[in-house]
């Protein structure tokens, strides 16, 4: 059974990540600043809409980097 312990750990981590992403998508509309930061690009034309939340992506990246660095130092 020891050869399956690593696989079990990977499955648990993937499950936690999927749950986290699903939770964020579920409550995404309730986060007041998500996708509406200055610098996010929105282009609206007739029959076309382009939305690229560049600043929101940068903020999320910085927060995740800090959290993962704090977790990995233990």
PDB file of N, CA and C in Angstrom:
ATOM      1  N   UNK A   1       0.806  -1.203   0.000  1.00  0.00           N
ATOM      2  CA  UNK A   1       0.000   0.000   0.000  1.00  0.00           C
ATOM      3  C   UNK A   1       0.847   1.265   0.000  1.00  0.00           C
ATOM      4  N   UNK A   2       2.128   1.171   0.271  1.00  0.00           N
ATOM      5  CA  UNK A   2       2.944   2.377   0.359  1.00  0.00           C
ATOM      6  C   UNK A   2       3.114   3.069  -0.989  1.00  0.00           C
ATOM      7  N   UNK A   3       3.010   2.325  -2.109  1.00  0.00           N
ATOM      8  CA  UNK A   3       3.158   2.975  -3.407  1.00  0.00           C
ATOM      9  C   UNK A   3       1.961   3.849  -3.752  1.00  0.00           C
ATOM     10  N   UNK A   4       0.838   3.669  -3.077  1.00  0.00           N
ATOM     11  CA  UNK A   4      -0.353   4.474  -3.334  1.00  0.00           C
ATOM     12  C   UNK A   4      -0.456   5.694  -2.421  1.00  0.00           C
ATOM     13  N   UNK A   5       0.409   5.798  -1.433  1.00  0.00           N
ATOM     14  CA  UNK A   5       0.300   6.925  -0.503  1.00  0.00           C
ATOM     15  C   UNK A   5       0.597   8.254  -1.199  1.00  0.00           C
ATOM     16  N   UNK A   6       1.564   8.286  -2.104  1.00  0.00           N
ATOM     17  CA  UNK A   6       1.866   9.506  -2.854  1.00  0.00           C
ATOM     18  C   UNK A   6       0.733   9.883  -3.783  1.00  0.00           C
ATOM     19  N   UNK A   7       0.132   8.878  -4.417  1.00  0.00           N
ATOM     20  CA  UNK A   7      -1.000   9.126  -5.313  1.00  0.00           C
ATOM     21  C   UNK A   7      -2.194   9.660  -4.535  1.00  0.00           C
ATOM     22  N   UNK A   8      -2.417   9.131  -3.349  1.00  0.00           N
ATOM     23  CA  UNK A   8      -3.508   9.626  -2.505  1.00  0.00           C
ATOM     24  C   UNK A   8      -3.311  11.071  -2.104  1.00  0.00           C
ATOM     25  N   UNK A   9      -2.079  11.421  -1.804  1.00  0.00           N
ATOM     26  CA  UNK A   9      -1.767  12.804  -1.433  1.00  0.00           C
ATOM     27  C   UNK A   9      -2.042  13.746  -2.619  1.00  0.00           C
ATOM     28  N   UNK A  10      -1.645  13.330  -3.814  1.00  0.00           N
ATOM     29  CA  UNK A  10      -1.887  14.146  -5.008  1.00  0.00           C
ATOM     30  C   UNK A  10      -3.386  14.314  -5.234  1.00  0.00           C
ATOM     31  N   UNK A  11      -4.141  13.247  -5.089  1.00  0.00           N
ATOM     32  CA  UNK A  11      -5.594  13.345  -5.266  1.00  0.00           C
ATOM     33  C   UNK A  11      -6.224  14.284  -4.246  1.00  0.00           C
ATOM     34  N   UNK A  12      -5.748  14.256  -3.017  1.00  0.00           N
ATOM     35  CA  UNK A  12      -6.286  15.158  -1.998  1.00  0.00           C
ATOM     36  C   UNK A  12      -5.965  16.616  -2.320  1.00  0.00           C
ATOM     37  N   UNK A  13      -4.757  16.874  -2.780  1.00  0.00           N
ATOM     38  CA  UNK A  13      -4.370  18.246  -3.119  1.00  0.00           C
ATOM     39  C   UNK A  13      -5.183  18.752  -4.310  1.00  0.00           C
ATOM     40  N   UNK A  14      -5.349  17.911  -5.332  1.00  0.00           N
ATOM     41  CA  UNK A  14      -6.149  18.296  -6.490  1.00  0.00           C
ATOM     42  C   UNK A  14      -7.593  18.565  -6.073  1.00  0.00           C
ATOM     43  N   UNK A  15      -8.131  17.747  -5.177  1.00  0.00           N
ATOM     44  CA  UNK A  15      -9.490  17.956  -4.690  1.00  0.00           C
ATOM     45  C   UNK A  15      -9.641  19.267  -3.944  1.00  0.00           C
ATOM     46  N   UNK A  16      -8.668  19.587  -3.108  1.00  0.00           N
ATOM     47  CA  UNK A  16      -8.710  20.849  -2.364  1.00  0.00           C
ATOM     48  C   UNK A  16      -8.615  22.034  -3.325  1.00  0.00           C
ATOM     49  N   UNK A  17      -7.752  21.925  -4.332  1.00  0.00           N
ATOM     50  CA  UNK A  17      -7.636  23.007  -5.312  1.00  0.00           C
ATOM     51  C   UNK A  17      -8.930  23.193  -6.102  1.00  0.00           C
ATOM     52  N   UNK A  18      -9.546  22.089  -6.529  1.00  0.00           N
ATOM     53  CA  UNK A  18     -10.814  22.185  -7.250  1.00  0.00           C
ATOM     54  C   UNK A  18     -11.909  22.790  -6.387  1.00  0.00           C
ATOM     55  N   UNK A  19     -11.961  22.389  -5.122  1.00  0.00           N
ATOM     56  CA  UNK A  19     -12.941  22.962  -4.208  1.00  0.00           C
ATOM     57  C   UNK A  19     -12.707  24.463  -4.039  1.00  0.00           C
ATOM     58  N   UNK A  20     -11.449  24.864  -3.888  1.00  0.00           N
ATOM     59  CA  UNK A  20     -11.128  26.279  -3.696  1.00  0.00           C
ATOM     60  C   UNK A  20     -11.518  27.109  -4.910  1.00  0.00           C
ATOM     61  N   UNK A  21     -11.196  26.621  -6.104  1.00  0.00           N
ATOM     62  CA  UNK A  21     -11.551  27.350  -7.323  1.00  0.00           C
ATOM     63  C   UNK A  21     -13.069  27.436  -7.460  1.00  0.00           C
ATOM     64  N   UNK A  22     -13.766  26.346  -7.192  1.00  0.00           N
ATOM     65  CA  UNK A  22     -15.223  26.355  -7.254  1.00  0.00           C
ATOM     66  C   UNK A  22     -15.839  27.318  -6.258  1.00  0.00           C
ATOM     67  N   UNK A  23     -15.282  27.373  -5.058  1.00  0.00           N
ATOM     68  CA  UNK A  23     -15.785  28.277  -4.028  1.00  0.00           C
ATOM     69  C   UNK A  23     -15.593  29.734  -4.438  1.00  0.00           C
ATOM     70  N   UNK A  24     -14.420  30.041  -4.986  1.00  0.00           N
ATOM     71  CA  UNK A  24     -14.156  31.416  -5.423  1.00  0.00           C
ATOM     72  C   UNK A  24     -15.091  31.807  -6.566  1.00  0.00           C
ATOM     73  N   UNK A  25     -15.321  30.889  -7.492  1.00  0.00           N
ATOM     74  CA  UNK A  25     -16.251  31.182  -8.588  1.00  0.00           C
ATOM     75  C   UNK A  25     -17.680  31.350  -8.080  1.00  0.00           C
ATOM     76  N   UNK A  26     -18.029  30.609  -7.063  1.00  0.00           N
ATOM     77  CA  UNK A  26     -19.376  30.673  -6.503  1.00  0.00           C
ATOM     78  C   UNK A  26     -19.635  32.009  -5.816  1.00  0.00           C
ATOM     79  N   UNK A  27     -18.651  32.499  -5.041  1.00  0.00           N
ATOM     80  CA  UNK A  27     -18.839  33.763  -4.323  1.00  0.00           C
ATOM     81  C   UNK A  27     -18.221  34.945  -5.067  1.00  0.00           C
ATOM     82  N   UNK A  28     -17.761  34.743  -6.301  1.00  0.00           N
ATOM     83  CA  UNK A  28     -17.063  35.784  -7.053  1.00  0.00           C
ATOM     84  C   UNK A  28     -17.838  37.068  -7.209  1.00  0.00           C
ATOM     85  N   UNK A  29     -19.150  36.979  -7.380  1.00  0.00           N
ATOM     86  CA  UNK A  29     -19.944  38.197  -7.547  1.00  0.00           C
ATOM     87  C   UNK A  29     -20.047  39.008  -6.264  1.00  0.00           C
ATOM     88  N   UNK A  30     -19.821  38.390  -5.156  1.00  0.00           N
ATOM     89  CA  UNK A  30     -19.946  39.085  -3.861  1.00  0.00           C
ATOM     90  C   UNK A  30     -18.669  39.782  -3.434  1.00  0.00           C
ATOM     91  N   UNK A  31     -17.555  39.510  -4.114  1.00  0.00           N
ATOM     92  CA  UNK A  31     -16.293  40.192  -3.803  1.00  0.00           C
ATOM     93  C   UNK A  31     -16.343  41.556  -4.475  1.00  0.00           C
ATOM     94  N   UNK A  32     -16.301  42.628  -3.695  1.00  0.00           N
ATOM     95  CA  UNK A  32     -16.582  43.953  -4.261  1.00  0.00           C
ATOM     96  C   UNK A  32     -15.558  44.460  -5.272  1.00  0.00           C
ATOM     97  N   UNK A  33     -14.290  44.115  -5.148  1.00  0.00           N
ATOM     98  CA  UNK A  33     -13.280  44.679  -6.021  1.00  0.00           C
ATOM     99  C   UNK A  33     -12.884  43.759  -7.170  1.00  0.00           C
ATOM    100  N   UNK A  34     -13.338  42.531  -7.170  1.00  0.00           N
ATOM    101  CA  UNK A  34     -12.891  41.550  -8.157  1.00  0.00           C
ATOM    102  C   UNK A  34     -13.324  41.947  -9.566  1.00  0.00           C
ATOM    103  N   UNK A  35     -12.344  42.186 -10.419  1.00  0.00           N
ATOM    104  CA  UNK A  35     -12.627  42.517 -11.805  1.00  0.00           C
ATOM    105  C   UNK A  35     -12.989  43.954 -12.058  1.00  0.00           C
ATOM    106  N   UNK A  36     -12.921  44.780 -11.047  1.00  0.00           N
ATOM    107  CA  UNK A  36     -13.301  46.183 -11.227  1.00  0.00           C
ATOM    108  C   UNK A  36     -12.197  47.130 -10.746  1.00  0.00           C
ATOM    109  N   UNK A  37     -10.978  46.666 -10.781  1.00  0.00           N
ATOM    110  CA  UNK A  37      -9.873  47.506 -10.347  1.00  0.00           C
ATOM    111  C   UNK A  37      -9.456  48.454 -11.468  1.00  0.00           C
ATOM    112  N   UNK A  38      -8.903  49.613 -11.096  1.00  0.00           N
ATOM    113  CA  UNK A  38      -8.380  50.514 -12.134  1.00  0.00           C
ATOM    114  C   UNK A  38      -7.260  49.799 -12.891  1.00  0.00           C
ATOM    115  N   UNK A  39      -7.310  49.851 -14.203  1.00  0.00           N
ATOM    116  CA  UNK A  39      -6.318  49.174 -15.024  1.00  0.00           C
ATOM    117  C   UNK A  39      -6.858  47.936 -15.706  1.00  0.00           C
ATOM    118  N   UNK A  40      -8.001  47.422 -15.247  1.00  0.00           N
ATOM    119  CA  UNK A  40      -8.645  46.314 -15.939  1.00  0.00           C
ATOM    120  C   UNK A  40      -9.199  46.832 -17.258  1.00  0.00           C
ATOM    121  N   UNK A  41      -9.006  46.069 -18.315  1.00  0.00           N
ATOM    122  CA  UNK A  41      -9.352  46.515 -19.661  1.00  0.00           C
ATOM    123  C   UNK A  41     -10.730  45.995 -20.041  1.00  0.00           C
ATOM    124  N   UNK A  42     -11.609  46.910 -20.447  1.00  0.00           N
ATOM    125  CA  UNK A  42     -12.937  46.552 -20.940  1.00  0.00           C
ATOM    126  C   UNK A  42     -13.163  47.308 -22.251  1.00  0.00           C
ATOM    127  N   UNK A  43     -13.433  46.567 -23.323  1.00  0.00           N
ATOM    128  CA  UNK A  43     -13.728  47.158 -24.629  1.00  0.00           C
ATOM    129  C   UNK A  43     -15.132  46.712 -25.003  1.00  0.00           C
ATOM    130  N   UNK A  44     -16.028  47.679 -25.177  1.00  0.00           N
ATOM    131  CA  UNK A  44     -17.410  47.380 -25.565  1.00  0.00           C
ATOM    132  C   UNK A  44     -17.681  47.977 -26.934  1.00  0.00           C
ATOM    133  N   UNK A  45     -18.067  47.116 -27.840  1.00  0.00           N
ATOM    134  CA  UNK A  45     -18.469  47.547 -29.178  1.00  0.00           C
ATOM    135  C   UNK A  45     -19.768  46.840 -29.508  1.00  0.00           C
ATOM    136  N   UNK A  46     -20.376  47.239 -30.582  1.00  0.00           N
ATOM    137  CA  UNK A  46     -21.639  46.630 -30.984  1.00  0.00           C
ATOM    138  C   UNK A  46     -21.437  45.147 -31.315  1.00  0.00           C
ATOM    139  N   UNK A  47     -22.091  44.301 -30.558  1.00  0.00           N
ATOM    140  CA  UNK A  47     -21.995  42.860 -30.770  1.00  0.00           C
ATOM    141  C   UNK A  47     -20.702  42.237 -30.273  1.00  0.00           C
ATOM    142  N   UNK A  48     -19.901  42.973 -29.525  1.00  0.00           N
ATOM    143  CA  UNK A  48     -18.602  42.485 -29.085  1.00  0.00           C
ATOM    144  C   UNK A  48     -18.260  43.097 -27.739  1.00  0.00           C
ATOM    145  N   UNK A  49     -17.716  42.285 -26.866  1.00  0.00           N
ATOM    146  CA  UNK A  49     -17.240  42.789 -25.584  1.00  0.00           C
ATOM    147  C   UNK A  49     -15.985  42.030 -25.206  1.00  0.00           C
ATOM    148  N   UNK A  50     -14.913  42.745 -24.941  1.00  0.00           N
ATOM    149  CA  UNK A  50     -13.646  42.165 -24.515  1.00  0.00           C
ATOM    150  C   UNK A  50     -13.374  42.624 -23.100  1.00  0.00           C
ATOM    151  N   UNK A  51     -13.102  41.679 -22.242  1.00  0.00           N
ATOM    152  CA  UNK A  51     -12.831  41.993 -20.849  1.00  0.00           C
ATOM    153  C   UNK A  51     -11.551  41.288 -20.455  1.00  0.00           C
ATOM    154  N   UNK A  52     -10.549  42.045 -20.041  1.00  0.00           N
ATOM    155  CA  UNK A  52      -9.272  41.481 -19.618  1.00  0.00           C
ATOM    156  C   UNK A  52      -8.865  42.113 -18.296  1.00  0.00           C
ATOM    157  N   UNK A  53      -9.046  41.394 -17.183  1.00  0.00           N
ATOM    158  CA  UNK A  53      -8.751  41.948 -15.858  1.00  0.00           C
ATOM    159  C   UNK A  53      -7.269  41.830 -15.497  1.00  0.00           C
ATOM    160  N   UNK A  54      -6.424  42.589 -16.171  1.00  0.00           N
ATOM    161  CA  UNK A  54      -4.973  42.475 -15.989  1.00  0.00           C
ATOM    162  C   UNK A  54      -4.537  42.832 -14.566  1.00  0.00           C
ATOM    163  N   UNK A  55      -5.058  43.899 -14.011  1.00  0.00           N
ATOM    164  CA  UNK A  55      -4.654  44.315 -12.663  1.00  0.00           C
ATOM    165  C   UNK A  55      -5.177  43.328 -11.620  1.00  0.00           C
ATOM    166  N   UNK A  56      -6.377  42.822 -11.811  1.00  0.00           N
ATOM    167  CA  UNK A  56      -6.913  41.822 -10.903  1.00  0.00           C
ATOM    168  C   UNK A  56      -6.049  40.565 -10.936  1.00  0.00           C
ATOM    169  N   UNK A  57      -5.590  40.166 -12.105  1.00  0.00           N
ATOM    170  CA  UNK A  57      -4.706  38.999 -12.221  1.00  0.00           C
ATOM    171  C   UNK A  57      -3.389  39.227 -11.483  1.00  0.00           C
ATOM    172  N   UNK A  58      -2.844  40.418 -11.591  1.00  0.00           N
ATOM    173  CA  UNK A  58      -1.590  40.734 -10.909  1.00  0.00           C
ATOM    174  C   UNK A  58      -1.778  40.692  -9.396  1.00  0.00           C
ATOM    175  N   UNK A  59      -2.870  41.275  -8.905  1.00  0.00           N
ATOM    176  CA  UNK A  59      -3.140  41.273  -7.459  1.00  0.00           C
ATOM    177  C   UNK A  59      -3.325  39.841  -6.946  1.00  0.00           C
ATOM    178  N   UNK A  60      -4.086  39.033  -7.665  1.00  0.00           N
ATOM    179  CA  UNK A  60      -4.294  37.639  -7.255  1.00  0.00           C
ATOM    180  C   UNK A  60      -2.968  36.883  -7.271  1.00  0.00           C
ATOM    181  N   UNK A  61      -2.131  37.127  -8.254  1.00  0.00           N
ATOM    182  CA  UNK A  61      -0.831  36.473  -8.343  1.00  0.00           C
ATOM    183  C   UNK A  61       0.058  36.837  -7.151  1.00  0.00           C
ATOM    184  N   UNK A  62       0.077  38.100  -6.784  1.00  0.00           N
ATOM    185  CA  UNK A  62       0.890  38.538  -5.643  1.00  0.00           C
ATOM    186  C   UNK A  62       0.384  37.903  -4.353  1.00  0.00           C
ATOM    187  N   UNK A  63      -0.936  37.896  -4.158  1.00  0.00           N
ATOM    188  CA  UNK A  63      -1.503  37.308  -2.935  1.00  0.00           C
ATOM    189  C   UNK A  63      -1.199  35.819  -2.866  1.00  0.00           C
ATOM    190  N   UNK A  64      -1.390  35.102  -3.970  1.00  0.00           N
ATOM    191  CA  UNK A  64      -1.100  33.669  -3.973  1.00  0.00           C
ATOM    192  C   UNK A  64       0.383  33.387  -3.749  1.00  0.00           C
ATOM    193  N   UNK A  65       1.260  34.206  -4.308  1.00  0.00           N
ATOM    194  CA  UNK A  65       2.698  34.040  -4.092  1.00  0.00           C
ATOM    195  C   UNK A  65       3.044  34.203  -2.617  1.00  0.00           C
ATOM    196  N   UNK A  66       2.488  35.224  -1.983  1.00  0.00           N
ATOM    197  CA  UNK A  66       2.750  35.441  -0.556  1.00  0.00           C
ATOM    198  C   UNK A  66       2.222  34.285   0.294  1.00  0.00           C
ATOM    199  N   UNK A  67       1.012  33.830   0.010  1.00  0.00           N
ATOM    200  CA  UNK A  67       0.417  32.742   0.786  1.00  0.00           C
ATOM    201  C   UNK A  67       1.222  31.456   0.614  1.00  0.00           C
ATOM    202  N   UNK A  68       1.566  31.122  -0.617  1.00  0.00           N
ATOM    203  CA  UNK A  68       2.317  29.895  -0.861  1.00  0.00           C
ATOM    204  C   UNK A  68       3.722  29.959  -0.282  1.00  0.00           C
ATOM    205  N   UNK A  69       4.346  31.132  -0.282  1.00  0.00           N
ATOM    206  CA  UNK A  69       5.654  31.279   0.362  1.00  0.00           C
ATOM    207  C   UNK A  69       5.552  31.089   1.866  1.00  0.00           C
ATOM    208  N   UNK A  70       4.499  31.613   2.466  1.00  0.00           N
ATOM    209  CA  UNK A  70       4.321  31.425   3.908  1.00  0.00           C
ATOM    210  C   UNK A  70       4.075  29.960   4.251  1.00  0.00           C
ATOM    211  N   UNK A  71       3.314  29.273   3.424  1.00  0.00           N
ATOM    212  CA  UNK A  71       3.013  27.866   3.672  1.00  0.00           C
ATOM    213  C   UNK A  71       4.256  27.006   3.481  1.00  0.00           C
ATOM    214  N   UNK A  72       5.063  27.298   2.471  1.00  0.00           N
ATOM    215  CA  UNK A  72       6.212  26.441   2.157  1.00  0.00           C
ATOM    216  C   UNK A  72       7.357  26.633   3.147  1.00  0.00           C
ATOM    217  N   UNK A  73       7.393  27.678   3.906  1.00  0.00           N
ATOM    218  CA  UNK A  73       8.475  27.918   4.872  1.00  0.00           C
ATOM    219  C   UNK A  73       8.323  27.088   6.133  1.00  0.00           C
ATOM    220  N   UNK A  74       7.207  26.459   6.334  1.00  0.00           N
ATOM    221  CA  UNK A  74       7.000  25.676   7.561  1.00  0.00           C
ATOM    222  C   UNK A  74       7.609  24.339   7.485  1.00  0.00           C
TER     223      UNK A  74
END
